Amino acid sequence: MAAWVYIVTNQRNGTLYIGVTAHLATRIQQHKSQDKPGFTQRHKLTKLVYAERHDEIVRAIQREKSLKRWPRDWKLALIEELNPEWDDLFGSLSIEN
């Protein structure tokens, strides 16, 4: 089963949340709706700034855990490499859940 590792934030260089999901569009819509209490709601993390697809969920989980251990500077560089303007990528998703 394919899966996605993604990063959401509230603003450029803001608070980051790294997650993994099999259904990226659905999961990001959940972040945007802010209807579940928790870290992402508390920090208003609704902006998808990074996403990478993996063919296997196990690989995506491994990558998520790895990214969470990275220094913040590395995470920022990863985002800027793909998305230098920190645009919200949700509107440009052309993926199937």
Protein backbone atom coordinates (compact mmCIF):
# COMPACT_ATOMS: atom_id res chain seq x y z
CA MET A 1 0.00 0.00 0.00
CA ALA A 2 1.32 3.43 -0.94
CA ALA A 3 1.72 6.10 1.72
CA TRP A 4 2.80 9.70 2.13
CA VAL A 5 5.14 11.49 4.51
CA TYR A 6 4.14 15.12 4.83
CA ILE A 7 4.94 18.32 6.67
CA VAL A 8 2.37 20.92 7.67
CA THR A 9 3.04 24.30 9.24
CA ASN A 10 1.29 27.53 10.20
CA GLN A 11 3.69 29.90 8.39
CA ARG A 12 7.11 30.10 6.77
CA ASN A 13 9.72 28.92 9.29
CA GLY A 14 6.90 28.29 11.78
CA THR A 15 6.01 25.26 13.83
CA LEU A 16 6.38 22.00 11.89
CA TYR A 17 4.41 18.77 12.11
CA ILE A 18 5.62 15.66 10.31
CA GLY A 19 3.08 12.92 9.67
CA VAL A 20 2.42 9.82 7.61
CA THR A 21 -0.80 8.74 5.93
CA ALA A 22 -2.16 6.49 3.22
CA HIS A 23 -4.69 9.16 2.18
CA LEU A 24 -2.91 12.50 1.85
CA ALA A 25 -5.76 14.69 0.58
CA THR A 26 -8.13 13.40 3.26
CA ARG A 27 -5.56 13.84 6.02
CA ILE A 28 -4.66 17.39 5.00
CA GLN A 29 -8.35 18.28 4.85
CA GLN A 30 -8.59 17.06 8.46
CA HIS A 31 -5.73 19.38 9.42
CA LYS A 32 -7.43 22.26 7.62
CA SER A 33 -10.79 21.68 9.31
CA GLN A 34 -9.13 21.93 12.76
CA ASP A 35 -11.90 19.84 14.29
CA LYS A 36 -9.72 17.44 16.31
CA PRO A 37 -8.01 18.74 19.44
CA GLY A 38 -4.28 18.26 19.63
CA PHE A 39 -0.92 19.64 18.57
CA THR A 40 -1.89 20.64 15.03
CA GLN A 41 -5.07 22.39 16.18
CA ARG A 42 -3.29 24.16 19.03
CA HIS A 43 -0.65 25.54 16.66
CA LYS A 44 -3.03 26.07 13.70
CA LEU A 45 -0.98 23.83 11.41
CA THR A 46 -2.99 23.80 8.20
CA LYS A 47 -0.49 24.53 5.42
CA LEU A 48 0.93 21.55 3.50
CA VAL A 49 4.50 22.51 2.57
CA TYR A 50 6.11 19.13 1.85
CA ALA A 51 4.98 15.67 0.74
CA GLU A 52 6.76 12.60 -0.51
CA ARG A 53 5.16 9.38 -1.75
CA HIS A 54 6.38 5.92 -0.80
CA ASP A 55 5.30 2.65 -2.38
CA GLU A 56 5.12 0.89 0.99
CA ILE A 57 3.64 2.13 4.26
CA VAL A 58 6.54 0.60 6.18
CA ARG A 59 9.03 2.74 4.23
CA ALA A 60 6.93 5.85 4.82
CA ILE A 61 6.82 5.19 8.57
CA GLN A 62 10.60 4.70 8.61
CA ARG A 63 11.08 7.97 6.74
CA GLU A 64 8.71 9.84 9.07
CA LYS A 65 10.63 8.63 12.13
CA SER A 66 13.91 9.57 10.49
CA LEU A 67 12.72 13.09 9.60
CA LYS A 68 11.45 13.64 13.13
CA ARG A 69 15.00 13.02 14.42
CA TRP A 70 16.57 15.49 11.97
CA PRO A 71 17.78 18.88 13.22
CA ARG A 72 15.34 21.69 12.45
CA ASP A 73 17.74 23.28 9.95
CA TRP A 74 17.74 20.09 7.86
CA LYS A 75 13.93 20.02 7.84
CA LEU A 76 13.76 23.63 6.71
CA ALA A 77 16.28 22.92 3.93
CA LEU A 78 14.23 19.91 2.80
CA ILE A 79 11.10 22.05 2.52
CA GLU A 80 12.89 24.87 0.73
CA GLU A 81 14.43 22.47 -1.78
CA LEU A 82 10.97 21.38 -2.96
CA ASN A 83 8.95 24.44 -2.06
CA PRO A 84 11.15 27.57 -1.77
CA GLU A 85 8.17 29.92 -1.39
CA TRP A 86 6.51 27.75 1.26
CA ASP A 87 3.30 27.67 -0.78
CA ASP A 88 0.39 25.59 0.45
CA LEU A 89 0.62 22.51 -1.78
CA PHE A 90 -2.88 21.27 -0.94
CA GLY A 91 -4.51 23.03 -3.87
CA SER A 92 -2.05 21.50 -6.31
CA LEU A 93 -2.45 17.90 -5.15
CA SER A 94 -2.91 15.64 -8.11
CA ILE A 95 -2.87 12.36 -6.26
CA GLU A 96 -5.36 9.64 -5.67
CA ASN A 97 -5.97 8.42 -2.16
